[in-house]
Amino acid sequence: MNVDKYGEVVNGEKTYKKIADFLKKDGSFLIGWTDEKFTHYDILFSYNCDGMGVFQRGIKISDLFVSIISVGSFGFKVDTEKSIGYVGEKLFYGKTDISVEKITQLINGIIKNLNRE
């Protein structure tokens, strides 16, 4: 996993692959992440979860669920890369800044690795 000098998870190929590998095997993974500027988030990822009922907002149990603790949560389809605007809308009430850009890179890197067999 890619980490900074404080032990916080940062973006990078090792991070994307390790999270995707854990999600494929265990279904969920929690990280303490930084954008390497000023922001730290605790982020819970969940994939291939079980569920029951009718879900709103177009989410499905096959989505990659991203929960940024005390901020927002959403289920992202793993078919294509996501744009910064889309991630900002779904997780940050429309905000787009360097932190949202880096989280978008994180999500897209994980999606890419989830689709590798």
PDB file of N, CA and C in Angstrom:
ATOM      1  N   MET A   1       0.847  -1.164   0.000  1.00  0.00           N
ATOM      2  CA  MET A   1       0.000   0.000   0.000  1.00  0.00           C
ATOM      3  C   MET A   1       0.901   1.239   0.000  1.00  0.00           C
ATOM      4  N   ASN A   2       0.527   2.247  -0.743  1.00  0.00           N
ATOM      5  CA  ASN A   2       1.270   3.499  -0.729  1.00  0.00           C
ATOM      6  C   ASN A   2       0.887   4.287   0.521  1.00  0.00           C
ATOM      7  N   VAL A   3       1.897   4.749   1.281  1.00  0.00           N
ATOM      8  CA  VAL A   3       1.653   5.540   2.487  1.00  0.00           C
ATOM      9  C   VAL A   3       2.633   6.717   2.521  1.00  0.00           C
ATOM     10  N   ASP A   4       2.244   7.768   3.254  1.00  0.00           N
ATOM     11  CA  ASP A   4       3.138   8.911   3.426  1.00  0.00           C
ATOM     12  C   ASP A   4       4.009   8.702   4.660  1.00  0.00           C
ATOM     13  N   LYS A   5       4.796   9.702   5.017  1.00  0.00           N
ATOM     14  CA  LYS A   5       5.724   9.550   6.137  1.00  0.00           C
ATOM     15  C   LYS A   5       5.020   9.422   7.484  1.00  0.00           C
ATOM     16  N   TYR A   6       3.719   9.723   7.532  1.00  0.00           N
ATOM     17  CA  TYR A   6       2.944   9.592   8.770  1.00  0.00           C
ATOM     18  C   TYR A   6       2.172   8.273   8.839  1.00  0.00           C
ATOM     19  N   GLY A   7       2.289   7.464   7.794  1.00  0.00           N
ATOM     20  CA  GLY A   7       1.577   6.192   7.756  1.00  0.00           C
ATOM     21  C   GLY A   7       0.168   6.282   7.209  1.00  0.00           C
ATOM     22  N   GLU A   8      -0.200   7.444   6.677  1.00  0.00           N
ATOM     23  CA  GLU A   8      -1.523   7.584   6.081  1.00  0.00           C
ATOM     24  C   GLU A   8      -1.502   7.052   4.657  1.00  0.00           C
ATOM     25  N   VAL A   9      -2.591   6.432   4.250  1.00  0.00           N
ATOM     26  CA  VAL A   9      -2.699   5.894   2.898  1.00  0.00           C
ATOM     27  C   VAL A   9      -2.795   7.052   1.906  1.00  0.00           C
ATOM     28  N   VAL A  10      -2.067   6.924   0.803  1.00  0.00           N
ATOM     29  CA  VAL A  10      -2.115   7.898  -0.293  1.00  0.00           C
ATOM     30  C   VAL A  10      -2.383   7.146  -1.602  1.00  0.00           C
ATOM     31  N   ASN A  11      -2.742   7.901  -2.618  1.00  0.00           N
ATOM     32  CA  ASN A  11      -3.006   7.313  -3.923  1.00  0.00           C
ATOM     33  C   ASN A  11      -1.743   6.702  -4.511  1.00  0.00           C
ATOM     34  N   GLY A  12      -1.924   5.659  -5.285  1.00  0.00           N
ATOM     35  CA  GLY A  12      -0.834   4.998  -5.991  1.00  0.00           C
ATOM     36  C   GLY A  12      -1.267   3.615  -6.422  1.00  0.00           C
ATOM     37  N   GLU A  13      -0.552   3.062  -7.359  1.00  0.00           N
ATOM     38  CA  GLU A  13      -0.920   1.746  -7.905  1.00  0.00           C
ATOM     39  C   GLU A  13      -0.982   0.663  -6.838  1.00  0.00           C
ATOM     40  N   LYS A  14      -0.057   0.685  -5.863  1.00  0.00           N
ATOM     41  CA  LYS A  14      -0.097  -0.321  -4.791  1.00  0.00           C
ATOM     42  C   LYS A  14      -1.371  -0.189  -3.972  1.00  0.00           C
ATOM     43  N   THR A  15      -1.774   1.038  -3.701  1.00  0.00           N
ATOM     44  CA  THR A  15      -3.004   1.284  -2.933  1.00  0.00           C
ATOM     45  C   THR A  15      -4.221   0.756  -3.677  1.00  0.00           C
ATOM     46  N   TYR A  16      -4.349   1.107  -4.936  1.00  0.00           N
ATOM     47  CA  TYR A  16      -5.514   0.678  -5.727  1.00  0.00           C
ATOM     48  C   TYR A  16      -5.603  -0.842  -5.779  1.00  0.00           C
ATOM     49  N   LYS A  17      -4.478  -1.486  -6.061  1.00  0.00           N
ATOM     50  CA  LYS A  17      -4.466  -2.944  -6.185  1.00  0.00           C
ATOM     51  C   LYS A  17      -4.774  -3.616  -4.852  1.00  0.00           C
ATOM     52  N   LYS A  18      -4.153  -3.158  -3.787  1.00  0.00           N
ATOM     53  CA  LYS A  18      -4.342  -3.782  -2.469  1.00  0.00           C
ATOM     54  C   LYS A  18      -5.799  -3.667  -2.017  1.00  0.00           C
ATOM     55  N   ILE A  19      -6.392  -2.486  -2.179  1.00  0.00           N
ATOM     56  CA  ILE A  19      -7.789  -2.312  -1.782  1.00  0.00           C
ATOM     57  C   ILE A  19      -8.684  -3.212  -2.628  1.00  0.00           C
ATOM     58  N   ALA A  20      -8.480  -3.227  -3.937  1.00  0.00           N
ATOM     59  CA  ALA A  20      -9.290  -4.084  -4.820  1.00  0.00           C
ATOM     60  C   ALA A  20      -9.142  -5.554  -4.446  1.00  0.00           C
ATOM     61  N   ASP A  21      -7.926  -5.984  -4.163  1.00  0.00           N
ATOM     62  CA  ASP A  21      -7.700  -7.382  -3.764  1.00  0.00           C
ATOM     63  C   ASP A  21      -8.454  -7.722  -2.475  1.00  0.00           C
ATOM     64  N   PHE A  22      -8.389  -6.831  -1.483  1.00  0.00           N
ATOM     65  CA  PHE A  22      -9.125  -7.053  -0.239  1.00  0.00           C
ATOM     66  C   PHE A  22     -10.628  -7.095  -0.491  1.00  0.00           C
ATOM     67  N   LEU A  23     -11.120  -6.191  -1.331  1.00  0.00           N
ATOM     68  CA  LEU A  23     -12.556  -6.142  -1.605  1.00  0.00           C
ATOM     69  C   LEU A  23     -13.035  -7.407  -2.306  1.00  0.00           C
ATOM     70  N   LYS A  24     -12.253  -7.914  -3.239  1.00  0.00           N
ATOM     71  CA  LYS A  24     -12.615  -9.150  -3.930  1.00  0.00           C
ATOM     72  C   LYS A  24     -12.678 -10.325  -2.957  1.00  0.00           C
ATOM     73  N   LYS A  25     -11.776 -10.325  -1.987  1.00  0.00           N
ATOM     74  CA  LYS A  25     -11.672 -11.444  -1.047  1.00  0.00           C
ATOM     75  C   LYS A  25     -12.623 -11.294   0.143  1.00  0.00           C
ATOM     76  N   ASP A  26     -12.599 -10.135   0.764  1.00  0.00           N
ATOM     77  CA  ASP A  26     -13.312  -9.943   2.034  1.00  0.00           C
ATOM     78  C   ASP A  26     -14.528  -9.039   1.957  1.00  0.00           C
ATOM     79  N   GLY A  27     -14.670  -8.250   0.910  1.00  0.00           N
ATOM     80  CA  GLY A  27     -15.866  -7.440   0.729  1.00  0.00           C
ATOM     81  C   GLY A  27     -15.832  -6.044   1.308  1.00  0.00           C
ATOM     82  N   SER A  28     -14.944  -5.768   2.273  1.00  0.00           N
ATOM     83  CA  SER A  28     -14.873  -4.407   2.806  1.00  0.00           C
ATOM     84  C   SER A  28     -13.462  -4.097   3.284  1.00  0.00           C
ATOM     85  N   PHE A  29     -13.164  -2.785   3.305  1.00  0.00           N
ATOM     86  CA  PHE A  29     -11.825  -2.348   3.705  1.00  0.00           C
ATOM     87  C   PHE A  29     -11.913  -0.899   4.147  1.00  0.00           C
ATOM     88  N   LEU A  30     -11.265  -0.573   5.269  1.00  0.00           N
ATOM     89  CA  LEU A  30     -11.274   0.772   5.834  1.00  0.00           C
ATOM     90  C   LEU A  30      -9.857   1.345   5.790  1.00  0.00           C
ATOM     91  N   ILE A  31      -9.729   2.589   5.325  1.00  0.00           N
ATOM     92  CA  ILE A  31      -8.423   3.232   5.288  1.00  0.00           C
ATOM     93  C   ILE A  31      -8.475   4.620   5.927  1.00  0.00           C
ATOM     94  N   GLY A  32      -7.331   5.044   6.460  1.00  0.00           N
ATOM     95  CA  GLY A  32      -7.102   6.429   6.850  1.00  0.00           C
ATOM     96  C   GLY A  32      -6.304   7.041   5.713  1.00  0.00           C
ATOM     97  N   TRP A  33      -6.895   7.956   4.964  1.00  0.00           N
ATOM     98  CA  TRP A  33      -6.369   8.434   3.684  1.00  0.00           C
ATOM     99  C   TRP A  33      -6.105   9.933   3.734  1.00  0.00           C
ATOM    100  N   THR A  34      -5.108  10.374   2.986  1.00  0.00           N
ATOM    101  CA  THR A  34      -4.862  11.807   2.829  1.00  0.00           C
ATOM    102  C   THR A  34      -4.667  12.155   1.360  1.00  0.00           C
ATOM    103  N   ASP A  35      -5.042  13.383   1.026  1.00  0.00           N
ATOM    104  CA  ASP A  35      -4.833  13.878  -0.343  1.00  0.00           C
ATOM    105  C   ASP A  35      -3.420  14.434  -0.533  1.00  0.00           C
ATOM    106  N   GLU A  36      -2.591  14.307   0.500  1.00  0.00           N
ATOM    107  CA  GLU A  36      -1.205  14.770   0.525  1.00  0.00           C
ATOM    108  C   GLU A  36      -1.079  16.290   0.532  1.00  0.00           C
ATOM    109  N   LYS A  37      -2.206  16.981   0.763  1.00  0.00           N
ATOM    110  CA  LYS A  37      -2.189  18.441   0.893  1.00  0.00           C
ATOM    111  C   LYS A  37      -2.570  18.791   2.325  1.00  0.00           C
ATOM    112  N   PHE A  38      -3.888  18.854   2.586  1.00  0.00           N
ATOM    113  CA  PHE A  38      -4.368  19.278   3.898  1.00  0.00           C
ATOM    114  C   PHE A  38      -5.455  18.378   4.471  1.00  0.00           C
ATOM    115  N   THR A  39      -5.976  17.448   3.675  1.00  0.00           N
ATOM    116  CA  THR A  39      -7.192  16.728   4.053  1.00  0.00           C
ATOM    117  C   THR A  39      -6.914  15.279   4.413  1.00  0.00           C
ATOM    118  N   HIS A  40      -7.548  14.822   5.499  1.00  0.00           N
ATOM    119  CA  HIS A  40      -7.541  13.418   5.902  1.00  0.00           C
ATOM    120  C   HIS A  40      -8.990  12.955   5.959  1.00  0.00           C
ATOM    121  N   TYR A  41      -9.263  11.771   5.402  1.00  0.00           N
ATOM    122  CA  TYR A  41     -10.577  11.137   5.507  1.00  0.00           C
ATOM    123  C   TYR A  41     -10.398   9.684   5.924  1.00  0.00           C
ATOM    124  N   ASP A  42     -11.342   9.208   6.717  1.00  0.00           N
ATOM    125  CA  ASP A  42     -11.465   7.777   6.982  1.00  0.00           C
ATOM    126  C   ASP A  42     -12.498   7.278   5.981  1.00  0.00           C
ATOM    127  N   ILE A  43     -12.098   6.303   5.154  1.00  0.00           N
ATOM    128  CA  ILE A  43     -12.947   5.862   4.047  1.00  0.00           C
ATOM    129  C   ILE A  43     -13.178   4.362   4.147  1.00  0.00           C
ATOM    130  N   LEU A  44     -14.450   3.979   4.115  1.00  0.00           N
ATOM    131  CA  LEU A  44     -14.841   2.578   4.125  1.00  0.00           C
ATOM    132  C   LEU A  44     -15.320   2.200   2.733  1.00  0.00           C
ATOM    133  N   PHE A  45     -14.709   1.160   2.185  1.00  0.00           N
ATOM    134  CA  PHE A  45     -15.109   0.610   0.895  1.00  0.00           C
ATOM    135  C   PHE A  45     -15.812  -0.716   1.132  1.00  0.00           C
ATOM    136  N   SER A  46     -16.863  -0.965   0.369  1.00  0.00           N
ATOM    137  CA  SER A  46     -17.573  -2.237   0.435  1.00  0.00           C
ATOM    138  C   SER A  46     -17.920  -2.660  -0.983  1.00  0.00           C
ATOM    139  N   TYR A  47     -17.785  -3.966  -1.256  1.00  0.00           N
ATOM    140  CA  TYR A  47     -18.022  -4.477  -2.607  1.00  0.00           C
ATOM    141  C   TYR A  47     -18.614  -5.876  -2.509  1.00  0.00           C
ATOM    142  N   ASN A  48     -19.543  -6.176  -3.414  1.00  0.00           N
ATOM    143  CA  ASN A  48     -20.229  -7.466  -3.438  1.00  0.00           C
ATOM    144  C   ASN A  48     -20.927  -7.763  -2.115  1.00  0.00           C
ATOM    145  N   CYS A  49     -21.614  -6.774  -1.597  1.00  0.00           N
ATOM    146  CA  CYS A  49     -22.314  -6.975  -0.329  1.00  0.00           C
ATOM    147  C   CYS A  49     -23.645  -7.701  -0.559  1.00  0.00           C
ATOM    148  N   ASP A  50     -24.160  -8.253   0.503  1.00  0.00           N
ATOM    149  CA  ASP A  50     -25.496  -8.824   0.464  1.00  0.00           C
ATOM    150  C   ASP A  50     -26.483  -7.718   0.776  1.00  0.00           C
ATOM    151  N   GLY A  51     -27.721  -7.902   0.387  1.00  0.00           N
ATOM    152  CA  GLY A  51     -28.724  -6.883   0.662  1.00  0.00           C
ATOM    153  C   GLY A  51     -30.113  -7.382   0.366  1.00  0.00           C
ATOM    154  N   MET A  52     -31.070  -6.575   0.761  1.00  0.00           N
ATOM    155  CA  MET A  52     -32.465  -6.946   0.558  1.00  0.00           C
ATOM    156  C   MET A  52     -33.302  -5.681   0.500  1.00  0.00           C
ATOM    157  N   GLY A  53     -34.319  -5.677  -0.311  1.00  0.00           N
ATOM    158  CA  GLY A  53     -35.214  -4.536  -0.409  1.00  0.00           C
ATOM    159  C   GLY A  53     -35.029  -3.789  -1.716  1.00  0.00           C
ATOM    160  N   VAL A  54     -35.752  -2.708  -1.846  1.00  0.00           N
ATOM    161  CA  VAL A  54     -35.692  -1.857  -3.031  1.00  0.00           C
ATOM    162  C   VAL A  54     -34.795  -0.666  -2.700  1.00  0.00           C
ATOM    163  N   PHE A  55     -33.786  -0.439  -3.519  1.00  0.00           N
ATOM    164  CA  PHE A  55     -32.828   0.629  -3.265  1.00  0.00           C
ATOM    165  C   PHE A  55     -33.124   1.829  -4.156  1.00  0.00           C
ATOM    166  N   GLN A  56     -32.868   3.011  -3.653  1.00  0.00           N
ATOM    167  CA  GLN A  56     -33.096   4.242  -4.394  1.00  0.00           C
ATOM    168  C   GLN A  56     -31.802   4.764  -4.995  1.00  0.00           C
ATOM    169  N   ARG A  57     -31.905   5.828  -5.750  1.00  0.00           N
ATOM    170  CA  ARG A  57     -30.787   6.521  -6.372  1.00  0.00           C
ATOM    171  C   ARG A  57     -30.014   5.658  -7.372  1.00  0.00           C
ATOM    172  N   GLY A  58     -30.613   4.558  -7.822  1.00  0.00           N
ATOM    173  CA  GLY A  58     -29.983   3.724  -8.835  1.00  0.00           C
ATOM    174  C   GLY A  58     -28.901   2.790  -8.335  1.00  0.00           C
ATOM    175  N   ILE A  59     -28.709   2.717  -7.009  1.00  0.00           N
ATOM    176  CA  ILE A  59     -27.652   1.843  -6.501  1.00  0.00           C
ATOM    177  C   ILE A  59     -28.082   0.381  -6.535  1.00  0.00           C
ATOM    178  N   LYS A  60     -27.102  -0.480  -6.661  1.00  0.00           N
ATOM    179  CA  LYS A  60     -27.313  -1.929  -6.671  1.00  0.00           C
ATOM    180  C   LYS A  60     -26.280  -2.568  -5.747  1.00  0.00           C
ATOM    181  N   ILE A  61     -26.583  -3.756  -5.243  1.00  0.00           N
ATOM    182  CA  ILE A  61     -25.653  -4.403  -4.319  1.00  0.00           C
ATOM    183  C   ILE A  61     -24.333  -4.768  -4.986  1.00  0.00           C
ATOM    184  N   SER A  62     -24.288  -4.751  -6.319  1.00  0.00           N
ATOM    185  CA  SER A  62     -23.047  -5.050  -7.047  1.00  0.00           C
ATOM    186  C   SER A  62     -22.134  -3.831  -7.179  1.00  0.00           C
ATOM    187  N   ASP A  63     -22.553  -2.675  -6.668  1.00  0.00           N
ATOM    188  CA  ASP A  63     -21.760  -1.452  -6.765  1.00  0.00           C
ATOM    189  C   ASP A  63     -20.577  -1.461  -5.796  1.00  0.00           C
ATOM    190  N   LEU A  64     -19.645  -0.556  -6.043  1.00  0.00           N
ATOM    191  CA  LEU A  64     -18.573  -0.262  -5.099  1.00  0.00           C
ATOM    192  C   LEU A  64     -19.097   0.846  -4.194  1.00  0.00           C
ATOM    193  N   PHE A  65     -19.312   0.524  -2.925  1.00  0.00           N
ATOM    194  CA  PHE A  65     -19.803   1.512  -1.977  1.00  0.00           C
ATOM    195  C   PHE A  65     -18.618   2.222  -1.334  1.00  0.00           C
ATOM    196  N   VAL A  66     -18.691   3.538  -1.360  1.00  0.00           N
ATOM    197  CA  VAL A  66     -17.649   4.379  -0.789  1.00  0.00           C
ATOM    198  C   VAL A  66     -18.316   5.230   0.280  1.00  0.00           C
ATOM    199  N   SER A  67     -17.865   5.079   1.514  1.00  0.00           N
ATOM    200  CA  SER A  67     -18.395   5.856   2.632  1.00  0.00           C
ATOM    201  C   SER A  67     -17.271   6.668   3.238  1.00  0.00           C
ATOM    202  N   ILE A  68     -17.363   7.973   3.096  1.00  0.00           N
ATOM    203  CA  ILE A  68     -16.392   8.864   3.713  1.00  0.00           C
ATOM    204  C   ILE A  68     -17.006   9.279   5.044  1.00  0.00           C
ATOM    205  N   ILE A  69     -16.409   8.813   6.118  1.00  0.00           N
ATOM    206  CA  ILE A  69     -16.986   8.952   7.446  1.00  0.00           C
ATOM    207  C   ILE A  69     -17.258  10.431   7.754  1.00  0.00           C
ATOM    208  N   SER A  70     -18.485  10.707   8.183  1.00  0.00           N
ATOM    209  CA  SER A  70     -18.988  12.043   8.530  1.00  0.00           C
ATOM    210  C   SER A  70     -19.149  12.974   7.334  1.00  0.00           C
ATOM    211  N   VAL A  71     -19.043  12.437   6.099  1.00  0.00           N
ATOM    212  CA  VAL A  71     -19.176  13.285   4.912  1.00  0.00           C
ATOM    213  C   VAL A  71     -20.301  12.801   4.007  1.00  0.00           C
ATOM    214  N   GLY A  72     -20.150  11.607   3.397  1.00  0.00           N
ATOM    215  CA  GLY A  72     -21.150  11.100   2.471  1.00  0.00           C
ATOM    216  C   GLY A  72     -20.835   9.688   2.027  1.00  0.00           C
ATOM    217  N   SER A  73     -21.840   9.055   1.428  1.00  0.00           N
ATOM    218  CA  SER A  73     -21.710   7.682   0.942  1.00  0.00           C
ATOM    219  C   SER A  73     -22.453   7.549  -0.377  1.00  0.00           C
ATOM    220  N   PHE A  74     -21.964   6.636  -1.218  1.00  0.00           N
ATOM    221  CA  PHE A  74     -22.663   6.341  -2.466  1.00  0.00           C
ATOM    222  C   PHE A  74     -22.159   5.024  -3.018  1.00  0.00           C
ATOM    223  N   GLY A  75     -22.978   4.391  -3.852  1.00  0.00           N
ATOM    224  CA  GLY A  75     -22.613   3.168  -4.548  1.00  0.00           C
ATOM    225  C   GLY A  75     -22.295   3.474  -5.999  1.00  0.00           C
ATOM    226  N   PHE A  76     -21.076   3.204  -6.410  1.00  0.00           N
ATOM    227  CA  PHE A  76     -20.624   3.491  -7.771  1.00  0.00           C
ATOM    228  C   PHE A  76     -20.568   2.214  -8.593  1.00  0.00           C
ATOM    229  N   LYS A  77     -21.151   2.257  -9.776  1.00  0.00           N
ATOM    230  CA  LYS A  77     -21.035   1.132 -10.698  1.00  0.00           C
ATOM    231  C   LYS A  77     -19.561   0.987 -11.082  1.00  0.00           C
ATOM    232  N   VAL A  78     -19.122  -0.238 -11.282  1.00  0.00           N
ATOM    233  CA  VAL A  78     -17.712  -0.484 -11.579  1.00  0.00           C
ATOM    234  C   VAL A  78     -17.464  -0.687 -13.071  1.00  0.00           C
ATOM    235  N   ASP A  79     -18.353  -0.158 -13.916  1.00  0.00           N
ATOM    236  CA  ASP A  79     -18.232  -0.349 -15.358  1.00  0.00           C
ATOM    237  C   ASP A  79     -17.321   0.660 -16.044  1.00  0.00           C
ATOM    238  N   THR A  80     -17.265   1.888 -15.543  1.00  0.00           N
ATOM    239  CA  THR A  80     -16.472   2.935 -16.188  1.00  0.00           C
ATOM    240  C   THR A  80     -15.851   3.863 -15.147  1.00  0.00           C
ATOM    241  N   GLU A  81     -14.875   4.644 -15.599  1.00  0.00           N
ATOM    242  CA  GLU A  81     -14.296   5.667 -14.734  1.00  0.00           C
ATOM    243  C   GLU A  81     -15.350   6.721 -14.409  1.00  0.00           C
ATOM    244  N   LYS A  82     -15.176   7.356 -13.276  1.00  0.00           N
ATOM    245  CA  LYS A  82     -16.096   8.398 -12.826  1.00  0.00           C
ATOM    246  C   LYS A  82     -15.418   9.754 -12.970  1.00  0.00           C
ATOM    247  N   SER A  83     -16.213  10.789 -13.249  1.00  0.00           N
ATOM    248  CA  SER A  83     -15.670  12.141 -13.371  1.00  0.00           C
ATOM    249  C   SER A  83     -15.615  12.803 -11.995  1.00  0.00           C
ATOM    250  N   ILE A  84     -14.792  13.828 -11.889  1.00  0.00           N
ATOM    251  CA  ILE A  84     -14.675  14.580 -10.639  1.00  0.00           C
ATOM    252  C   ILE A  84     -16.027  15.185 -10.267  1.00  0.00           C
ATOM    253  N   GLY A  85     -16.734  15.720 -11.249  1.00  0.00           N
ATOM    254  CA  GLY A  85     -18.042  16.319 -10.991  1.00  0.00           C
ATOM    255  C   GLY A  85     -19.035  15.314 -10.443  1.00  0.00           C
ATOM    256  N   TYR A  86     -19.021  14.097 -10.972  1.00  0.00           N
ATOM    257  CA  TYR A  86     -19.945  13.055 -10.522  1.00  0.00           C
ATOM    258  C   TYR A  86     -19.624  12.636  -9.083  1.00  0.00           C
ATOM    259  N   VAL A  87     -18.359  12.396  -8.796  1.00  0.00           N
ATOM    260  CA  VAL A  87     -17.962  12.012  -7.435  1.00  0.00           C
ATOM    261  C   VAL A  87     -18.266  13.153  -6.467  1.00  0.00           C
ATOM    262  N   GLY A  88     -17.972  14.385  -6.870  1.00  0.00           N
ATOM    263  CA  GLY A  88     -18.281  15.541  -6.031  1.00  0.00           C
ATOM    264  C   GLY A  88     -19.764  15.658  -5.732  1.00  0.00           C
ATOM    265  N   GLU A  89     -20.586  15.405  -6.736  1.00  0.00           N
ATOM    266  CA  GLU A  89     -22.040  15.458  -6.557  1.00  0.00           C
ATOM    267  C   GLU A  89     -22.523  14.374  -5.604  1.00  0.00           C
ATOM    268  N   LYS A  90     -22.032  13.170  -5.751  1.00  0.00           N
ATOM    269  CA  LYS A  90     -22.526  12.034  -4.983  1.00  0.00           C
ATOM    270  C   LYS A  90     -21.995  11.968  -3.557  1.00  0.00           C
ATOM    271  N   LEU A  91     -20.761  12.409  -3.333  1.00  0.00           N
ATOM    272  CA  LEU A  91     -20.161  12.286  -2.003  1.00  0.00           C
ATOM    273  C   LEU A  91     -20.028  13.614  -1.255  1.00  0.00           C
ATOM    274  N   PHE A  92     -19.962  14.736  -1.983  1.00  0.00           N
ATOM    275  CA  PHE A  92     -19.627  16.012  -1.355  1.00  0.00           C
ATOM    276  C   PHE A  92     -20.638  17.121  -1.663  1.00  0.00           C
ATOM    277  N   TYR A  93     -21.865  16.763  -2.001  1.00  0.00           N
ATOM    278  CA  TYR A  93     -22.917  17.750  -2.262  1.00  0.00           C
ATOM    279  C   TYR A  93     -22.507  18.771  -3.319  1.00  0.00           C
ATOM    280  N   GLY A  94     -21.769  18.318  -4.331  1.00  0.00           N
ATOM    281  CA  GLY A  94     -21.410  19.156  -5.465  1.00  0.00           C
ATOM    282  C   GLY A  94     -20.052  19.821  -5.390  1.00  0.00           C
ATOM    283  N   LYS A  95     -19.360  19.706  -4.282  1.00  0.00           N
ATOM    284  CA  LYS A  95     -18.043  20.334  -4.131  1.00  0.00           C
ATOM    285  C   LYS A  95     -17.025  19.651  -5.046  1.00  0.00           C
ATOM    286  N   THR A  96     -16.173  20.430  -5.667  1.00  0.00           N
ATOM    287  CA  THR A  96     -15.034  19.888  -6.414  1.00  0.00           C
ATOM    288  C   THR A  96     -13.803  20.709  -6.053  1.00  0.00           C
ATOM    289  N   ASP A  97     -12.807  20.052  -5.524  1.00  0.00           N
ATOM    290  CA  ASP A  97     -11.533  20.678  -5.186  1.00  0.00           C
ATOM    291  C   ASP A  97     -10.446  19.615  -5.311  1.00  0.00           C
ATOM    292  N   ILE A  98      -9.242  19.910  -4.862  1.00  0.00           N
ATOM    293  CA  ILE A  98      -8.125  18.967  -5.007  1.00  0.00           C
ATOM    294  C   ILE A  98      -8.406  17.656  -4.279  1.00  0.00           C
ATOM    295  N   SER A  99      -9.062  17.737  -3.138  1.00  0.00           N
ATOM    296  CA  SER A  99      -9.384  16.538  -2.369  1.00  0.00           C
ATOM    297  C   SER A  99     -10.363  15.646  -3.136  1.00  0.00           C
ATOM    298  N   VAL A 100     -11.379  16.238  -3.724  1.00  0.00           N
ATOM    299  CA  VAL A 100     -12.356  15.473  -4.518  1.00  0.00           C
ATOM    300  C   VAL A 100     -11.668  14.891  -5.756  1.00  0.00           C
ATOM    301  N   GLU A 101     -10.765  15.658  -6.349  1.00  0.00           N
ATOM    302  CA  GLU A 101     -10.007  15.149  -7.498  1.00  0.00           C
ATOM    303  C   GLU A 101      -9.199  13.914  -7.107  1.00  0.00           C
ATOM    304  N   LYS A 102      -8.538  13.962  -5.963  1.00  0.00           N
ATOM    305  CA  LYS A 102      -7.732  12.828  -5.500  1.00  0.00           C
ATOM    306  C   LYS A 102      -8.606  11.628  -5.120  1.00  0.00           C
ATOM    307  N   ILE A 103      -9.763  11.872  -4.515  1.00  0.00           N
ATOM    308  CA  ILE A 103     -10.676  10.766  -4.179  1.00  0.00           C
ATOM    309  C   ILE A 103     -11.208  10.129  -5.461  1.00  0.00           C
ATOM    310  N   THR A 104     -11.468  10.945  -6.477  1.00  0.00           N
ATOM    311  CA  THR A 104     -11.905  10.416  -7.769  1.00  0.00           C
ATOM    312  C   THR A 104     -10.820   9.514  -8.356  1.00  0.00           C
ATOM    313  N   GLN A 105      -9.567   9.927  -8.268  1.00  0.00           N
ATOM    314  CA  GLN A 105      -8.453   9.086  -8.731  1.00  0.00           C
ATOM    315  C   GLN A 105      -8.414   7.773  -7.952  1.00  0.00           C
ATOM    316  N   LEU A 106      -8.629   7.851  -6.651  1.00  0.00           N
ATOM    317  CA  LEU A 106      -8.648   6.653  -5.803  1.00  0.00           C
ATOM    318  C   LEU A 106      -9.759   5.698  -6.241  1.00  0.00           C
ATOM    319  N   ILE A 107     -10.964   6.212  -6.383  1.00  0.00           N
ATOM    320  CA  ILE A 107     -12.112   5.386  -6.794  1.00  0.00           C
ATOM    321  C   ILE A 107     -11.854   4.770  -8.165  1.00  0.00           C
ATOM    322  N   ASN A 108     -11.388   5.579  -9.116  1.00  0.00           N
ATOM    323  CA  ASN A 108     -11.134   5.064 -10.465  1.00  0.00           C
ATOM    324  C   ASN A 108     -10.015   4.027 -10.481  1.00  0.00           C
ATOM    325  N   GLY A 109      -8.992   4.212  -9.663  1.00  0.00           N
ATOM    326  CA  GLY A 109      -7.923   3.223  -9.577  1.00  0.00           C
ATOM    327  C   GLY A 109      -8.412   1.897  -9.021  1.00  0.00           C
ATOM    328  N   ILE A 110      -9.284   1.970  -8.022  1.00  0.00           N
ATOM    329  CA  ILE A 110      -9.862   0.746  -7.449  1.00  0.00           C
ATOM    330  C   ILE A 110     -10.770   0.060  -8.465  1.00  0.00           C
ATOM    331  N   ILE A 111     -11.612   0.836  -9.153  1.00  0.00           N
ATOM    332  CA  ILE A 111     -12.503   0.273 -10.178  1.00  0.00           C
ATOM    333  C   ILE A 111     -11.685  -0.444 -11.251  1.00  0.00           C
ATOM    334  N   LYS A 112     -10.622   0.193 -11.704  1.00  0.00           N
ATOM    335  CA  LYS A 112      -9.757  -0.411 -12.724  1.00  0.00           C
ATOM    336  C   LYS A 112      -9.232  -1.770 -12.249  1.00  0.00           C
ATOM    337  N   ASN A 113      -8.805  -1.831 -10.993  1.00  0.00           N
ATOM    338  CA  ASN A 113      -8.260  -3.076 -10.454  1.00  0.00           C
ATOM    339  C   ASN A 113      -9.342  -4.114 -10.144  1.00  0.00           C
ATOM    340  N   LEU A 114     -10.534  -3.675  -9.820  1.00  0.00           N
ATOM    341  CA  LEU A 114     -11.636  -4.624  -9.629  1.00  0.00           C
ATOM    342  C   LEU A 114     -11.988  -5.330 -10.924  1.00  0.00           C
ATOM    343  N   ASN A 115     -11.804  -4.640 -12.037  1.00  0.00           N
ATOM    344  CA  ASN A 115     -12.143  -5.209 -13.341  1.00  0.00           C
ATOM    345  C   ASN A 115     -11.037  -6.070 -13.938  1.00  0.00           C
ATOM    346  N   ARG A 116      -9.896  -6.130 -13.273  1.00  0.00           N
ATOM    347  CA  ARG A 116      -8.813  -7.031 -13.703  1.00  0.00           C
ATOM    348  C   ARG A 116      -9.047  -8.407 -13.145  1.00  0.00           C
ATOM    349  N   GLU A 117      -8.834  -9.392 -13.930  1.00  0.00           N
ATOM    350  CA  GLU A 117      -9.010 -10.775 -13.448  1.00  0.00           C
ATOM    351  C   GLU A 117      -7.717 -11.441 -13.289  1.00  0.00           C
TER     352      GLU A 117
END
